[in-house]
N, C-alpha and C. Protein backbone atom coordinates (compact mmCIF):
# COMPACT_ATOMS: atom_id res chain seq x y z
N MET A 1 3.11 5.89 187.89
CA MET A 1 4.39 6.59 187.95
C MET A 1 4.47 7.50 189.17
N ILE A 2 3.35 8.12 189.51
CA ILE A 2 3.37 9.02 190.66
C ILE A 2 3.74 8.24 191.92
N PHE A 3 3.16 7.05 192.09
CA PHE A 3 3.48 6.22 193.25
C PHE A 3 4.98 5.90 193.28
N GLU A 4 5.53 5.57 192.12
CA GLU A 4 6.95 5.22 192.06
C GLU A 4 7.84 6.40 192.43
N TRP A 5 7.52 7.60 191.95
CA TRP A 5 8.33 8.77 192.26
C TRP A 5 8.25 9.12 193.74
N VAL A 6 7.05 9.02 194.32
CA VAL A 6 6.89 9.32 195.75
C VAL A 6 7.66 8.28 196.57
N ASN A 7 7.53 7.02 196.20
CA ASN A 7 8.24 5.96 196.90
C ASN A 7 9.75 6.16 196.79
N LEU A 8 10.23 6.52 195.63
CA LEU A 8 11.66 6.77 195.45
C LEU A 8 12.12 7.93 196.33
N GLY A 9 11.31 8.97 196.43
CA GLY A 9 11.66 10.10 197.28
C GLY A 9 11.82 9.69 198.74
N PHE A 10 10.90 8.85 199.23
CA PHE A 10 11.02 8.36 200.60
C PHE A 10 12.25 7.47 200.76
N ASN A 11 12.51 6.62 199.77
CA ASN A 11 13.67 5.73 199.85
C ASN A 11 14.98 6.50 199.83
N LEU A 12 15.06 7.54 199.05
CA LEU A 12 16.29 8.32 198.97
C LEU A 12 16.54 9.11 200.25
N ALA A 13 15.49 9.42 200.98
CA ALA A 13 15.64 10.19 202.20
C ALA A 13 16.10 9.33 203.39
N ASP A 14 16.10 8.02 203.22
CA ASP A 14 16.43 7.12 204.34
C ASP A 14 17.92 6.98 204.60
N GLY A 15 18.77 7.41 203.71
CA GLY A 15 20.21 7.29 203.93
C GLY A 15 20.74 5.92 203.57
N HIS A 16 20.85 5.64 202.33
CA HIS A 16 21.32 4.36 201.82
C HIS A 16 22.78 4.45 201.38
N PRO A 17 23.40 3.31 201.07
CA PRO A 17 24.77 3.33 200.53
C PRO A 17 24.82 4.06 199.18
N THR A 18 26.00 4.47 198.80
CA THR A 18 26.19 5.24 197.57
C THR A 18 25.67 4.49 196.35
N ALA A 19 25.87 3.18 196.30
CA ALA A 19 25.43 2.39 195.13
C ALA A 19 23.93 2.55 194.91
N PHE A 20 23.16 2.64 195.98
CA PHE A 20 21.71 2.82 195.86
C PHE A 20 21.39 4.12 195.12
N TYR A 21 22.09 5.18 195.48
CA TYR A 21 21.85 6.47 194.84
C TYR A 21 22.31 6.46 193.38
N VAL A 22 23.41 5.80 193.10
CA VAL A 22 23.92 5.74 191.73
C VAL A 22 22.93 4.98 190.85
N VAL A 23 22.49 3.82 191.30
CA VAL A 23 21.56 3.01 190.51
C VAL A 23 20.26 3.77 190.27
N HIS A 24 19.71 4.36 191.29
CA HIS A 24 18.45 5.07 191.13
C HIS A 24 18.62 6.36 190.32
N GLY A 25 19.77 6.98 190.42
CA GLY A 25 20.04 8.15 189.58
C GLY A 25 20.07 7.77 188.10
N VAL A 26 20.72 6.64 187.81
CA VAL A 26 20.74 6.17 186.42
C VAL A 26 19.33 5.83 185.95
N LEU A 27 18.56 5.17 186.79
CA LEU A 27 17.18 4.83 186.42
C LEU A 27 16.34 6.08 186.15
N ILE A 28 16.54 7.10 186.95
CA ILE A 28 15.80 8.35 186.74
C ILE A 28 16.18 8.98 185.41
N VAL A 29 17.47 9.03 185.12
CA VAL A 29 17.94 9.64 183.86
C VAL A 29 17.39 8.86 182.67
N VAL A 30 17.48 7.53 182.72
CA VAL A 30 16.97 6.71 181.62
C VAL A 30 15.47 6.91 181.45
N ASN A 31 14.74 6.97 182.55
CA ASN A 31 13.30 7.16 182.50
C ASN A 31 12.94 8.50 181.86
N VAL A 32 13.62 9.55 182.24
CA VAL A 32 13.34 10.87 181.70
C VAL A 32 13.70 10.94 180.21
N VAL A 33 14.85 10.37 179.84
CA VAL A 33 15.27 10.38 178.43
C VAL A 33 14.27 9.60 177.58
N LEU A 34 13.86 8.42 178.04
CA LEU A 34 12.87 7.65 177.28
C LEU A 34 11.55 8.40 177.15
N GLY A 35 11.14 9.06 178.21
CA GLY A 35 9.91 9.85 178.16
C GLY A 35 9.99 10.97 177.14
N VAL A 36 11.12 11.66 177.11
CA VAL A 36 11.29 12.75 176.14
C VAL A 36 11.33 12.21 174.71
N VAL A 37 12.08 11.13 174.49
CA VAL A 37 12.18 10.55 173.15
C VAL A 37 10.81 10.08 172.66
N LEU A 38 10.08 9.37 173.50
CA LEU A 38 8.76 8.90 173.11
C LEU A 38 7.79 10.06 172.92
N GLY A 39 7.92 11.10 173.73
CA GLY A 39 7.08 12.28 173.54
C GLY A 39 7.34 12.97 172.22
N VAL A 40 8.60 13.09 171.83
CA VAL A 40 8.95 13.71 170.55
C VAL A 40 8.43 12.87 169.39
N ILE A 41 8.61 11.55 169.48
CA ILE A 41 8.11 10.66 168.42
C ILE A 41 6.59 10.79 168.31
N GLY A 42 5.90 10.78 169.44
CA GLY A 42 4.45 10.91 169.42
C GLY A 42 4.00 12.25 168.87
N TRP A 43 4.69 13.32 169.27
CA TRP A 43 4.34 14.66 168.77
C TRP A 43 4.51 14.74 167.26
N ARG A 44 5.62 14.22 166.73
CA ARG A 44 5.86 14.24 165.29
C ARG A 44 4.84 13.39 164.55
N ALA A 45 4.50 12.24 165.11
CA ALA A 45 3.50 11.37 164.47
C ALA A 45 2.14 12.05 164.46
N TRP A 46 1.78 12.70 165.56
CA TRP A 46 0.49 13.37 165.64
C TRP A 46 0.41 14.52 164.64
N ARG A 47 1.48 15.32 164.58
CA ARG A 47 1.48 16.44 163.63
C ARG A 47 1.53 15.95 162.20
N GLY A 48 2.27 14.88 161.96
CA GLY A 48 2.36 14.33 160.61
C GLY A 48 1.05 13.74 160.14
N SER A 49 0.29 13.13 161.03
CA SER A 49 -0.98 12.55 160.63
C SER A 49 -1.98 13.64 160.25
N GLY A 50 -1.90 14.79 160.86
CA GLY A 50 -2.77 15.90 160.49
C GLY A 50 -2.43 16.45 159.12
N GLU A 51 -1.15 16.50 158.80
CA GLU A 51 -0.74 16.99 157.49
C GLU A 51 -1.18 16.03 156.39
N VAL A 52 -1.07 14.75 156.63
CA VAL A 52 -1.48 13.74 155.64
C VAL A 52 -2.96 13.82 155.43
N ARG A 53 -3.74 13.92 156.49
CA ARG A 53 -5.19 14.04 156.36
C ARG A 53 -5.57 15.30 155.62
N GLY A 54 -4.87 16.38 155.86
CA GLY A 54 -5.17 17.63 155.18
C GLY A 54 -4.91 17.54 153.69
N ARG A 55 -3.85 16.86 153.28
CA ARG A 55 -3.52 16.74 151.86
C ARG A 55 -4.49 15.82 151.13
N THR A 56 -4.87 14.72 151.76
CA THR A 56 -5.72 13.75 151.07
C THR A 56 -7.19 14.13 151.15
N GLY A 57 -7.55 15.01 152.05
CA GLY A 57 -8.96 15.34 152.23
C GLY A 57 -9.42 16.54 151.43
N ASP A 58 -8.56 17.15 150.61
CA ASP A 58 -8.96 18.36 149.88
C ASP A 58 -9.56 18.06 148.51
N GLY A 59 -9.71 16.81 148.14
CA GLY A 59 -10.39 16.47 146.89
C GLY A 59 -9.49 16.47 145.68
N GLY A 60 -8.20 16.70 145.82
CA GLY A 60 -7.27 16.51 144.73
C GLY A 60 -6.97 17.72 144.01
């Protein structure tokens, strides 16, 4: 991902047509939104797995 972001930065600095900026702007927004959504899902799953282990591991 780091390579892609650096490459995108160089490409955006070259002065392309407006459509190039629109498409890449949409791709950036989608990428960030997906990252946040997956991060939230992972965080909830991680916290939920600890609660389940805590309940089942106390001997009843």
